[in-house]
Amino acid sequence: MSSERLPFVVVPAPSRIWDYRDHGVGGGSVVAVVYRDRVQYAVVGDTGPRNIIGEASYATARALGIRPDPHGGGTPSGVTYIVFKNARVSPIEDHAAAVATGERLAREFIAGS
């Protein structure tokens, strides 16, 4: 899985505060990442430290217009992550499937279905 090519996000490792596994989230789960006037559909690609929320791949940051440099890039705020529970794509590298699934689920979310 290439951070430069695949839009993905990192979820915090399970803790007493939150465990992604209890909420229908896992590898390949579809995510809508929103920043300013842009949306990038991605997948859950990894787990990270328990105390960090908001890590995304180089490809995700670049697509959203966020400085993607792993050494000083990113943004301190303004990014919203919408993880769609029980919605996964396989293989995880199938970005077209993540986009199609994300767009469909976003329309359902907005419609209140």
PDB file of N, CA and C in Angstrom:
ATOM      1  N   MET A   1       0.855  -1.163   0.000  1.00  0.00           N
ATOM      2  CA  MET A   1       0.000   0.000   0.000  1.00  0.00           C
ATOM      3  C   MET A   1       0.909   1.236   0.000  1.00  0.00           C
ATOM      4  N   SER A   2       0.740   2.083  -0.994  1.00  0.00           N
ATOM      5  CA  SER A   2       1.579   3.259  -1.154  1.00  0.00           C
ATOM      6  C   SER A   2       0.872   4.517  -0.671  1.00  0.00           C
ATOM      7  N   SER A   3       1.463   5.188   0.301  1.00  0.00           N
ATOM      8  CA  SER A   3       0.906   6.431   0.819  1.00  0.00           C
ATOM      9  C   SER A   3       0.843   7.514  -0.251  1.00  0.00           C
ATOM     10  N   GLU A   4       1.746   7.445  -1.209  1.00  0.00           N
ATOM     11  CA  GLU A   4       1.768   8.450  -2.271  1.00  0.00           C
ATOM     12  C   GLU A   4       0.669   8.249  -3.292  1.00  0.00           C
ATOM     13  N   ARG A   5       0.192   7.020  -3.446  1.00  0.00           N
ATOM     14  CA  ARG A   5      -0.805   6.728  -4.480  1.00  0.00           C
ATOM     15  C   ARG A   5      -2.201   6.430  -3.940  1.00  0.00           C
ATOM     16  N   LEU A   6      -2.292   5.842  -2.747  1.00  0.00           N
ATOM     17  CA  LEU A   6      -3.589   5.403  -2.232  1.00  0.00           C
ATOM     18  C   LEU A   6      -4.115   6.350  -1.157  1.00  0.00           C
ATOM     19  N   PRO A   7      -5.284   6.928  -1.374  1.00  0.00           N
ATOM     20  CA  PRO A   7      -5.897   7.722  -0.315  1.00  0.00           C
ATOM     21  C   PRO A   7      -6.377   6.800   0.818  1.00  0.00           C
ATOM     22  N   PHE A   8      -5.781   6.975   1.993  1.00  0.00           N
ATOM     23  CA  PHE A   8      -6.221   6.215   3.158  1.00  0.00           C
ATOM     24  C   PHE A   8      -6.022   7.047   4.413  1.00  0.00           C
ATOM     25  N   VAL A   9      -6.671   6.594   5.487  1.00  0.00           N
ATOM     26  CA  VAL A   9      -6.537   7.248   6.789  1.00  0.00           C
ATOM     27  C   VAL A   9      -6.080   6.212   7.805  1.00  0.00           C
ATOM     28  N   VAL A  10      -5.625   6.722   8.931  1.00  0.00           N
ATOM     29  CA  VAL A  10      -5.156   5.892  10.035  1.00  0.00           C
ATOM     30  C   VAL A  10      -6.106   6.113  11.208  1.00  0.00           C
ATOM     31  N   VAL A  11      -6.613   5.029  11.776  1.00  0.00           N
ATOM     32  CA  VAL A  11      -7.466   5.157  12.963  1.00  0.00           C
ATOM     33  C   VAL A  11      -6.636   4.850  14.199  1.00  0.00           C
ATOM     34  N   PRO A  12      -7.000   5.450  15.335  1.00  0.00           N
ATOM     35  CA  PRO A  12      -6.258   5.166  16.570  1.00  0.00           C
ATOM     36  C   PRO A  12      -6.387   3.692  16.969  1.00  0.00           C
ATOM     37  N   ALA A  13      -5.324   3.148  17.527  1.00  0.00           N
ATOM     38  CA  ALA A  13      -5.361   1.785  18.050  1.00  0.00           C
ATOM     39  C   ALA A  13      -6.436   1.700  19.138  1.00  0.00           C
ATOM     40  N   PRO A  14      -7.003   0.518  19.350  1.00  0.00           N
ATOM     41  CA  PRO A  14      -8.043   0.374  20.373  1.00  0.00           C
ATOM     42  C   PRO A  14      -7.574   0.841  21.752  1.00  0.00           C
ATOM     43  N   SER A  15      -8.486   1.491  22.449  1.00  0.00           N
ATOM     44  CA  SER A  15      -8.207   1.942  23.815  1.00  0.00           C
ATOM     45  C   SER A  15      -9.505   1.874  24.615  1.00  0.00           C
ATOM     46  N   ARG A  16      -9.429   2.248  25.886  1.00  0.00           N
ATOM     47  CA  ARG A  16     -10.647   2.272  26.707  1.00  0.00           C
ATOM     48  C   ARG A  16     -11.592   3.370  26.240  1.00  0.00           C
ATOM     49  N   ILE A  17     -11.077   4.388  25.597  1.00  0.00           N
ATOM     50  CA  ILE A  17     -11.908   5.501  25.131  1.00  0.00           C
ATOM     51  C   ILE A  17     -12.692   5.120  23.885  1.00  0.00           C
ATOM     52  N   TRP A  18     -12.017   4.463  22.926  1.00  0.00           N
ATOM     53  CA  TRP A  18     -12.680   4.117  21.667  1.00  0.00           C
ATOM     54  C   TRP A  18     -11.975   2.946  21.021  1.00  0.00           C
ATOM     55  N   ASP A  19     -12.773   1.997  20.545  1.00  0.00           N
ATOM     56  CA  ASP A  19     -12.246   0.839  19.842  1.00  0.00           C
ATOM     57  C   ASP A  19     -12.994   0.732  18.518  1.00  0.00           C
ATOM     58  N   TYR A  20     -12.299   1.032  17.435  1.00  0.00           N
ATOM     59  CA  TYR A  20     -12.923   1.041  16.112  1.00  0.00           C
ATOM     60  C   TYR A  20     -13.629  -0.268  15.795  1.00  0.00           C
ATOM     61  N   ARG A  21     -13.130  -1.372  16.318  1.00  0.00           N
ATOM     62  CA  ARG A  21     -13.709  -2.685  16.019  1.00  0.00           C
ATOM     63  C   ARG A  21     -15.125  -2.827  16.556  1.00  0.00           C
ATOM     64  N   ASP A  22     -15.466  -2.086  17.609  1.00  0.00           N
ATOM     65  CA  ASP A  22     -16.803  -2.132  18.188  1.00  0.00           C
ATOM     66  C   ASP A  22     -17.818  -1.343  17.372  1.00  0.00           C
ATOM     67  N   HIS A  23     -17.361  -0.673  16.317  1.00  0.00           N
ATOM     68  CA  HIS A  23     -18.236   0.224  15.559  1.00  0.00           C
ATOM     69  C   HIS A  23     -18.282  -0.113  14.073  1.00  0.00           C
ATOM     70  N   GLY A  24     -17.978  -1.353  13.713  1.00  0.00           N
ATOM     71  CA  GLY A  24     -18.066  -1.777  12.328  1.00  0.00           C
ATOM     72  C   GLY A  24     -17.017  -1.154  11.427  1.00  0.00           C
ATOM     73  N   VAL A  25     -15.857  -0.813  12.002  1.00  0.00           N
ATOM     74  CA  VAL A  25     -14.772  -0.182  11.249  1.00  0.00           C
ATOM     75  C   VAL A  25     -13.564  -1.101  11.256  1.00  0.00           C
ATOM     76  N   GLY A  26     -12.895  -1.193  10.126  1.00  0.00           N
ATOM     77  CA  GLY A  26     -11.685  -2.002  10.023  1.00  0.00           C
ATOM     78  C   GLY A  26     -10.953  -1.676   8.742  1.00  0.00           C
ATOM     79  N   GLY A  27      -9.953  -2.456   8.435  1.00  0.00           N
ATOM     80  CA  GLY A  27      -9.198  -2.245   7.209  1.00  0.00           C
ATOM     81  C   GLY A  27     -10.101  -2.285   5.993  1.00  0.00           C
ATOM     82  N   GLY A  28      -9.981  -1.274   5.140  1.00  0.00           N
ATOM     83  CA  GLY A  28     -10.811  -1.188   3.946  1.00  0.00           C
ATOM     84  C   GLY A  28     -12.117  -0.447   4.150  1.00  0.00           C
ATOM     85  N   SER A  29     -12.434  -0.043   5.393  1.00  0.00           N
ATOM     86  CA  SER A  29     -13.654   0.737   5.620  1.00  0.00           C
ATOM     87  C   SER A  29     -13.581   2.030   4.818  1.00  0.00           C
ATOM     88  N   VAL A  30     -14.717   2.443   4.285  1.00  0.00           N
ATOM     89  CA  VAL A  30     -14.777   3.640   3.449  1.00  0.00           C
ATOM     90  C   VAL A  30     -14.922   4.883   4.317  1.00  0.00           C
ATOM     91  N   VAL A  31     -14.181   5.924   3.942  1.00  0.00           N
ATOM     92  CA  VAL A  31     -14.130   7.174   4.694  1.00  0.00           C
ATOM     93  C   VAL A  31     -14.291   8.346   3.731  1.00  0.00           C
ATOM     94  N   ALA A  32     -15.075   9.342   4.126  1.00  0.00           N
ATOM     95  CA  ALA A  32     -15.122  10.618   3.402  1.00  0.00           C
ATOM     96  C   ALA A  32     -14.300  11.597   4.234  1.00  0.00           C
ATOM     97  N   VAL A  33     -13.277  12.170   3.639  1.00  0.00           N
ATOM     98  CA  VAL A  33     -12.429  13.143   4.322  1.00  0.00           C
ATOM     99  C   VAL A  33     -12.748  14.504   3.706  1.00  0.00           C
ATOM    100  N   VAL A  34     -13.195  15.442   4.541  1.00  0.00           N
ATOM    101  CA  VAL A  34     -13.659  16.742   4.062  1.00  0.00           C
ATOM    102  C   VAL A  34     -12.731  17.839   4.583  1.00  0.00           C
ATOM    103  N   TYR A  35     -12.292  18.708   3.675  1.00  0.00           N
ATOM    104  CA  TYR A  35     -11.459  19.852   4.047  1.00  0.00           C
ATOM    105  C   TYR A  35     -11.847  21.014   3.137  1.00  0.00           C
ATOM    106  N   ARG A  36     -12.298  22.087   3.773  1.00  0.00           N
ATOM    107  CA  ARG A  36     -12.776  23.265   3.042  1.00  0.00           C
ATOM    108  C   ARG A  36     -13.833  22.841   2.043  1.00  0.00           C
ATOM    109  N   ASP A  37     -13.617  23.078   0.766  1.00  0.00           N
ATOM    110  CA  ASP A  37     -14.637  22.754  -0.239  1.00  0.00           C
ATOM    111  C   ASP A  37     -14.340  21.454  -0.985  1.00  0.00           C
ATOM    112  N   ARG A  38     -13.510  20.603  -0.407  1.00  0.00           N
ATOM    113  CA  ARG A  38     -13.120  19.358  -1.081  1.00  0.00           C
ATOM    114  C   ARG A  38     -13.502  18.135  -0.248  1.00  0.00           C
ATOM    115  N   VAL A  39     -13.794  17.051  -0.975  1.00  0.00           N
ATOM    116  CA  VAL A  39     -14.040  15.745  -0.350  1.00  0.00           C
ATOM    117  C   VAL A  39     -13.138  14.737  -1.044  1.00  0.00           C
ATOM    118  N   GLN A  40     -12.469  13.928  -0.255  1.00  0.00           N
ATOM    119  CA  GLN A  40     -11.659  12.839  -0.798  1.00  0.00           C
ATOM    120  C   GLN A  40     -12.157  11.546  -0.163  1.00  0.00           C
ATOM    121  N   TYR A  41     -12.592  10.604  -0.995  1.00  0.00           N
ATOM    122  CA  TYR A  41     -12.972   9.302  -0.469  1.00  0.00           C
ATOM    123  C   TYR A  41     -11.716   8.461  -0.327  1.00  0.00           C
ATOM    124  N   ALA A  42     -11.635   7.775   0.785  1.00  0.00           N
ATOM    125  CA  ALA A  42     -10.453   6.992   1.123  1.00  0.00           C
ATOM    126  C   ALA A  42     -10.909   5.731   1.844  1.00  0.00           C
ATOM    127  N   VAL A  43      -9.944   4.969   2.321  1.00  0.00           N
ATOM    128  CA  VAL A  43     -10.222   3.771   3.117  1.00  0.00           C
ATOM    129  C   VAL A  43      -9.418   3.839   4.399  1.00  0.00           C
ATOM    130  N   VAL A  44      -9.844   3.051   5.378  1.00  0.00           N
ATOM    131  CA  VAL A  44      -9.022   2.871   6.576  1.00  0.00           C
ATOM    132  C   VAL A  44      -7.896   1.937   6.157  1.00  0.00           C
ATOM    133  N   GLY A  45      -6.658   2.426   6.300  1.00  0.00           N
ATOM    134  CA  GLY A  45      -5.525   1.658   5.825  1.00  0.00           C
ATOM    135  C   GLY A  45      -4.575   1.179   6.904  1.00  0.00           C
ATOM    136  N   ASP A  46      -4.722   1.736   8.122  1.00  0.00           N
ATOM    137  CA  ASP A  46      -3.760   1.375   9.160  1.00  0.00           C
ATOM    138  C   ASP A  46      -4.299   1.824  10.515  1.00  0.00           C
ATOM    139  N   THR A  47      -3.654   1.337  11.570  1.00  0.00           N
ATOM    140  CA  THR A  47      -3.927   1.846  12.916  1.00  0.00           C
ATOM    141  C   THR A  47      -2.667   2.550  13.396  1.00  0.00           C
ATOM    142  N   GLY A  48      -2.874   3.539  14.260  1.00  0.00           N
ATOM    143  CA  GLY A  48      -1.757   4.318  14.769  1.00  0.00           C
ATOM    144  C   GLY A  48      -1.828   4.457  16.268  1.00  0.00           C
ATOM    145  N   PRO A  49      -1.098   5.416  16.807  1.00  0.00           N
ATOM    146  CA  PRO A  49      -1.102   5.630  18.253  1.00  0.00           C
ATOM    147  C   PRO A  49      -2.507   5.917  18.780  1.00  0.00           C
ATOM    148  N   ARG A  50      -2.776   5.484  20.003  1.00  0.00           N
ATOM    149  CA  ARG A  50      -4.095   5.660  20.614  1.00  0.00           C
ATOM    150  C   ARG A  50      -4.478   7.124  20.803  1.00  0.00           C
ATOM    151  N   ASN A  51      -3.492   7.991  20.938  1.00  0.00           N
ATOM    152  CA  ASN A  51      -3.785   9.385  21.281  1.00  0.00           C
ATOM    153  C   ASN A  51      -3.749  10.330  20.089  1.00  0.00           C
ATOM    154  N   ILE A  52      -3.714   9.795  18.866  1.00  0.00           N
ATOM    155  CA  ILE A  52      -3.686  10.665  17.681  1.00  0.00           C
ATOM    156  C   ILE A  52      -4.864  10.335  16.782  1.00  0.00           C
ATOM    157  N   ILE A  53      -5.623  11.370  16.453  1.00  0.00           N
ATOM    158  CA  ILE A  53      -6.733  11.238  15.516  1.00  0.00           C
ATOM    159  C   ILE A  53      -6.450  12.198  14.371  1.00  0.00           C
ATOM    160  N   GLY A  54      -6.629  11.745  13.158  1.00  0.00           N
ATOM    161  CA  GLY A  54      -6.495  12.651  12.039  1.00  0.00           C
ATOM    162  C   GLY A  54      -5.290  12.442  11.153  1.00  0.00           C
ATOM    163  N   GLU A  55      -4.758  11.243  11.111  1.00  0.00           N
ATOM    164  CA  GLU A  55      -3.660  10.967  10.197  1.00  0.00           C
ATOM    165  C   GLU A  55      -4.223  10.483   8.862  1.00  0.00           C
ATOM    166  N   ALA A  56      -3.627  10.976   7.787  1.00  0.00           N
ATOM    167  CA  ALA A  56      -4.045  10.560   6.446  1.00  0.00           C
ATOM    168  C   ALA A  56      -2.816  10.378   5.573  1.00  0.00           C
ATOM    169  N   SER A  57      -2.973   9.630   4.507  1.00  0.00           N
ATOM    170  CA  SER A  57      -1.863   9.374   3.594  1.00  0.00           C
ATOM    171  C   SER A  57      -1.494  10.629   2.811  1.00  0.00           C
ATOM    172  N   TYR A  58      -0.316  10.572   2.233  1.00  0.00           N
ATOM    173  CA  TYR A  58       0.186  11.637   1.367  1.00  0.00           C
ATOM    174  C   TYR A  58      -0.837  11.924   0.263  1.00  0.00           C
ATOM    175  N   ALA A  59      -1.362  10.865  -0.365  1.00  0.00           N
ATOM    176  CA  ALA A  59      -2.326  11.026  -1.458  1.00  0.00           C
ATOM    177  C   ALA A  59      -3.602  11.723  -0.986  1.00  0.00           C
ATOM    178  N   THR A  60      -4.066  11.403   0.212  1.00  0.00           N
ATOM    179  CA  THR A  60      -5.273  12.038   0.749  1.00  0.00           C
ATOM    180  C   THR A  60      -5.033  13.523   0.973  1.00  0.00           C
ATOM    181  N   ALA A  61      -3.944  13.848   1.637  1.00  0.00           N
ATOM    182  CA  ALA A  61      -3.631  15.257   1.916  1.00  0.00           C
ATOM    183  C   ALA A  61      -3.483  16.042   0.622  1.00  0.00           C
ATOM    184  N   ARG A  62      -2.733  15.518  -0.311  1.00  0.00           N
ATOM    185  CA  ARG A  62      -2.505  16.216  -1.582  1.00  0.00           C
ATOM    186  C   ARG A  62      -3.820  16.480  -2.304  1.00  0.00           C
ATOM    187  N   ALA A  63      -4.716  15.494  -2.339  1.00  0.00           N
ATOM    188  CA  ALA A  63      -5.998  15.657  -3.028  1.00  0.00           C
ATOM    189  C   ALA A  63      -6.875  16.722  -2.376  1.00  0.00           C
ATOM    190  N   LEU A  64      -6.675  16.937  -1.074  1.00  0.00           N
ATOM    191  CA  LEU A  64      -7.480  17.929  -0.348  1.00  0.00           C
ATOM    192  C   LEU A  64      -6.833  19.317  -0.340  1.00  0.00           C
ATOM    193  N   GLY A  65      -5.653  19.441  -0.929  1.00  0.00           N
ATOM    194  CA  GLY A  65      -4.975  20.728  -0.928  1.00  0.00           C
ATOM    195  C   GLY A  65      -4.245  21.026   0.369  1.00  0.00           C
ATOM    196  N   ILE A  66      -3.959  19.982   1.144  1.00  0.00           N
ATOM    197  CA  ILE A  66      -3.212  20.098   2.393  1.00  0.00           C
ATOM    198  C   ILE A  66      -1.766  19.738   2.095  1.00  0.00           C
ATOM    199  N   ARG A  67      -0.835  20.477   2.656  1.00  0.00           N
ATOM    200  CA  ARG A  67       0.586  20.175   2.442  1.00  0.00           C
ATOM    201  C   ARG A  67       0.843  18.731   2.892  1.00  0.00           C
ATOM    202  N   PRO A  68       1.250  17.851   1.971  1.00  0.00           N
ATOM    203  CA  PRO A  68       1.359  16.428   2.300  1.00  0.00           C
ATOM    204  C   PRO A  68       2.689  15.992   2.918  1.00  0.00           C
ATOM    205  N   ASP A  69       3.624  16.891   3.104  1.00  0.00           N
ATOM    206  CA  ASP A  69       4.944  16.536   3.625  1.00  0.00           C
ATOM    207  C   ASP A  69       4.830  15.877   5.005  1.00  0.00           C
ATOM    208  N   PRO A  70       5.323  14.642   5.166  1.00  0.00           N
ATOM    209  CA  PRO A  70       5.227  13.974   6.462  1.00  0.00           C
ATOM    210  C   PRO A  70       6.051  14.650   7.556  1.00  0.00           C
ATOM    211  N   HIS A  71       6.952  15.546   7.182  1.00  0.00           N
ATOM    212  CA  HIS A  71       7.781  16.263   8.151  1.00  0.00           C
ATOM    213  C   HIS A  71       7.381  17.735   8.160  1.00  0.00           C
ATOM    214  N   GLY A  72       6.237  18.050   8.698  1.00  0.00           N
ATOM    215  CA  GLY A  72       5.817  19.443   8.794  1.00  0.00           C
ATOM    216  C   GLY A  72       4.619  19.796   7.959  1.00  0.00           C
ATOM    217  N   GLY A  73       4.045  18.830   7.272  1.00  0.00           N
ATOM    218  CA  GLY A  73       2.836  19.091   6.504  1.00  0.00           C
ATOM    219  C   GLY A  73       1.616  18.982   7.394  1.00  0.00           C
ATOM    220  N   GLY A  74       0.478  18.846   6.772  1.00  0.00           N
ATOM    221  CA  GLY A  74      -0.771  18.700   7.510  1.00  0.00           C
ATOM    222  C   GLY A  74      -1.400  20.042   7.806  1.00  0.00           C
ATOM    223  N   THR A  75      -2.410  20.006   8.623  1.00  0.00           N
ATOM    224  CA  THR A  75      -3.125  21.200   9.044  1.00  0.00           C
ATOM    225  C   THR A  75      -3.569  20.993  10.486  1.00  0.00           C
ATOM    226  N   PRO A  76      -3.548  22.037  11.300  1.00  0.00           N
ATOM    227  CA  PRO A  76      -3.896  21.851  12.715  1.00  0.00           C
ATOM    228  C   PRO A  76      -5.384  21.617  12.976  1.00  0.00           C
ATOM    229  N   SER A  77      -6.251  21.966  12.034  1.00  0.00           N
ATOM    230  CA  SER A  77      -7.691  21.776  12.255  1.00  0.00           C
ATOM    231  C   SER A  77      -8.442  21.913  10.933  1.00  0.00           C
ATOM    232  N   GLY A  78      -9.738  21.709  11.001  1.00  0.00           N
ATOM    233  CA  GLY A  78     -10.588  21.931   9.839  1.00  0.00           C
ATOM    234  C   GLY A  78     -10.858  20.727   8.973  1.00  0.00           C
ATOM    235  N   VAL A  79     -10.372  19.553   9.368  1.00  0.00           N
ATOM    236  CA  VAL A  79     -10.604  18.336   8.583  1.00  0.00           C
ATOM    237  C   VAL A  79     -11.656  17.494   9.299  1.00  0.00           C
ATOM    238  N   THR A  80     -12.638  17.032   8.536  1.00  0.00           N
ATOM    239  CA  THR A  80     -13.688  16.170   9.081  1.00  0.00           C
ATOM    240  C   THR A  80     -13.565  14.787   8.449  1.00  0.00           C
ATOM    241  N   TYR A  81     -13.595  13.770   9.292  1.00  0.00           N
ATOM    242  CA  TYR A  81     -13.532  12.388   8.835  1.00  0.00           C
ATOM    243  C   TYR A  81     -14.887  11.740   9.095  1.00  0.00           C
ATOM    244  N   ILE A  82     -15.514  11.227   8.042  1.00  0.00           N
ATOM    245  CA  ILE A  82     -16.775  10.498   8.180  1.00  0.00           C
ATOM    246  C   ILE A  82     -16.489   9.055   7.788  1.00  0.00           C
ATOM    247  N   VAL A  83     -16.489   8.169   8.783  1.00  0.00           N
ATOM    248  CA  VAL A  83     -16.217   6.755   8.529  1.00  0.00           C
ATOM    249  C   VAL A  83     -17.557   6.039   8.446  1.00  0.00           C
ATOM    250  N   PHE A  84     -17.787   5.364   7.347  1.00  0.00           N
ATOM    251  CA  PHE A  84     -19.041   4.644   7.141  1.00  0.00           C
ATOM    252  C   PHE A  84     -18.913   3.247   7.728  1.00  0.00           C
ATOM    253  N   LYS A  85     -19.681   2.979   8.789  1.00  0.00           N
ATOM    254  CA  LYS A  85     -19.569   1.687   9.455  1.00  0.00           C
ATOM    255  C   LYS A  85     -20.123   0.578   8.569  1.00  0.00           C
ATOM    256  N   ASN A  86     -19.519  -0.576   8.689  1.00  0.00           N
ATOM    257  CA  ASN A  86     -19.911  -1.781   7.960  1.00  0.00           C
ATOM    258  C   ASN A  86     -19.893  -1.588   6.448  1.00  0.00           C
ATOM    259  N   ALA A  87     -18.996  -0.734   5.954  1.00  0.00           N
ATOM    260  CA  ALA A  87     -18.855  -0.508   4.510  1.00  0.00           C
ATOM    261  C   ALA A  87     -17.375  -0.619   4.159  1.00  0.00           C
ATOM    262  N   ARG A  88     -17.020  -1.722   3.517  1.00  0.00           N
ATOM    263  CA  ARG A  88     -15.609  -1.958   3.181  1.00  0.00           C
ATOM    264  C   ARG A  88     -15.458  -2.226   1.688  1.00  0.00           C
ATOM    265  N   VAL A  89     -14.268  -1.940   1.201  1.00  0.00           N
ATOM    266  CA  VAL A  89     -13.920  -2.320  -0.165  1.00  0.00           C
ATOM    267  C   VAL A  89     -12.757  -3.306  -0.107  1.00  0.00           C
ATOM    268  N   SER A  90     -12.740  -4.201  -1.097  1.00  0.00           N
ATOM    269  CA  SER A  90     -11.669  -5.179  -1.182  1.00  0.00           C
ATOM    270  C   SER A  90     -11.400  -5.439  -2.654  1.00  0.00           C
ATOM    271  N   PRO A  91     -10.158  -5.380  -3.045  1.00  0.00           N
ATOM    272  CA  PRO A  91      -8.989  -5.115  -2.219  1.00  0.00           C
ATOM    273  C   PRO A  91      -8.946  -3.656  -1.770  1.00  0.00           C
ATOM    274  N   ILE A  92      -8.204  -3.412  -0.728  1.00  0.00           N
ATOM    275  CA  ILE A  92      -8.109  -2.087  -0.128  1.00  0.00           C
ATOM    276  C   ILE A  92      -7.582  -1.049  -1.130  1.00  0.00           C
ATOM    277  N   GLU A  93      -6.808  -1.493  -2.109  1.00  0.00           N
ATOM    278  CA  GLU A  93      -6.227  -0.588  -3.109  1.00  0.00           C
ATOM    279  C   GLU A  93      -7.201  -0.172  -4.209  1.00  0.00           C
ATOM    280  N   ASP A  94      -8.423  -0.680  -4.195  1.00  0.00           N
ATOM    281  CA  ASP A  94      -9.411  -0.354  -5.239  1.00  0.00           C
ATOM    282  C   ASP A  94     -10.047   1.004  -4.935  1.00  0.00           C
ATOM    283  N   HIS A  95      -9.339   2.066  -5.299  1.00  0.00           N
ATOM    284  CA  HIS A  95      -9.802   3.422  -5.003  1.00  0.00           C
ATOM    285  C   HIS A  95     -11.122   3.735  -5.718  1.00  0.00           C
ATOM    286  N   ALA A  96     -11.305   3.235  -6.935  1.00  0.00           N
ATOM    287  CA  ALA A  96     -12.552   3.474  -7.665  1.00  0.00           C
ATOM    288  C   ALA A  96     -13.744   2.911  -6.881  1.00  0.00           C
ATOM    289  N   ALA A  97     -13.578   1.746  -6.273  1.00  0.00           N
ATOM    290  CA  ALA A  97     -14.654   1.154  -5.466  1.00  0.00           C
ATOM    291  C   ALA A  97     -14.906   1.989  -4.220  1.00  0.00           C
ATOM    292  N   ALA A  98     -13.846   2.525  -3.619  1.00  0.00           N
ATOM    293  CA  ALA A  98     -14.013   3.384  -2.437  1.00  0.00           C
ATOM    294  C   ALA A  98     -14.775   4.646  -2.799  1.00  0.00           C
ATOM    295  N   VAL A  99     -14.453   5.235  -3.946  1.00  0.00           N
ATOM    296  CA  VAL A  99     -15.150   6.451  -4.391  1.00  0.00           C
ATOM    297  C   VAL A  99     -16.620   6.149  -4.666  1.00  0.00           C
ATOM    298  N   ALA A 100     -16.895   5.084  -5.413  1.00  0.00           N
ATOM    299  CA  ALA A 100     -18.286   4.739  -5.743  1.00  0.00           C
ATOM    300  C   ALA A 100     -19.086   4.439  -4.478  1.00  0.00           C
ATOM    301  N   THR A 101     -18.518   3.671  -3.581  1.00  0.00           N
ATOM    302  CA  THR A 101     -19.204   3.341  -2.326  1.00  0.00           C
ATOM    303  C   THR A 101     -19.390   4.584  -1.477  1.00  0.00           C
ATOM    304  N   GLY A 102     -18.352   5.399  -1.358  1.00  0.00           N
ATOM    305  CA  GLY A 102     -18.435   6.628  -0.571  1.00  0.00           C
ATOM    306  C   GLY A 102     -19.478   7.590  -1.101  1.00  0.00           C
ATOM    307  N   GLU A 103     -19.517   7.774  -2.410  1.00  0.00           N
ATOM    308  CA  GLU A 103     -20.518   8.678  -2.991  1.00  0.00           C
ATOM    309  C   GLU A 103     -21.934   8.180  -2.735  1.00  0.00           C
ATOM    310  N   ARG A 104     -22.138   6.872  -2.878  1.00  0.00           N
ATOM    311  CA  ARG A 104     -23.466   6.297  -2.627  1.00  0.00           C
ATOM    312  C   ARG A 104     -23.865   6.472  -1.162  1.00  0.00           C
ATOM    313  N   LEU A 105     -22.957   6.170  -0.248  1.00  0.00           N
ATOM    314  CA  LEU A 105     -23.263   6.286   1.171  1.00  0.00           C
ATOM    315  C   LEU A 105     -23.439   7.739   1.603  1.00  0.00           C
ATOM    316  N   ALA A 106     -22.697   8.651   1.010  1.00  0.00           N
ATOM    317  CA  ALA A 106     -22.868  10.065   1.323  1.00  0.00           C
ATOM    318  C   ALA A 106     -24.250  10.543   0.878  1.00  0.00           C
ATOM    319  N   ARG A 107     -24.702  10.117  -0.315  1.00  0.00           N
ATOM    320  CA  ARG A 107     -26.057  10.489  -0.761  1.00  0.00           C
ATOM    321  C   ARG A 107     -27.103   9.929   0.194  1.00  0.00           C
ATOM    322  N   GLU A 108     -26.934   8.689   0.643  1.00  0.00           N
ATOM    323  CA  GLU A 108     -27.873   8.094   1.593  1.00  0.00           C
ATOM    324  C   GLU A 108     -27.856   8.841   2.921  1.00  0.00           C
ATOM    325  N   PHE A 109     -26.671   9.228   3.380  1.00  0.00           N
ATOM    326  CA  PHE A 109     -26.531   9.967   4.641  1.00  0.00           C
ATOM    327  C   PHE A 109     -27.257  11.309   4.550  1.00  0.00           C
ATOM    328  N   ILE A 110     -27.052  12.000   3.451  1.00  0.00           N
ATOM    329  CA  ILE A 110     -27.684  13.313   3.276  1.00  0.00           C
ATOM    330  C   ILE A 110     -29.200  13.188   3.162  1.00  0.00           C
ATOM    331  N   ALA A 111     -29.647  12.140   2.490  1.00  0.00           N
ATOM    332  CA  ALA A 111     -31.092  11.924   2.327  1.00  0.00           C
ATOM    333  C   ALA A 111     -31.744  11.422   3.602  1.00  0.00           C
ATOM    334  N   GLY A 112     -30.948  10.985   4.570  1.00  0.00           N
ATOM    335  CA  GLY A 112     -31.496  10.495   5.835  1.00  0.00           C
ATOM    336  C   GLY A 112     -31.929   9.055   5.788  1.00  0.00           C
ATOM    337  N   SER A 113     -31.432   8.298   4.823  1.00  0.00           N
ATOM    338  CA  SER A 113     -31.830   6.882   4.703  1.00  0.00           C
ATOM    339  C   SER A 113     -31.164   6.040   5.741  1.00  0.00           C
TER     340      SER A 113
END
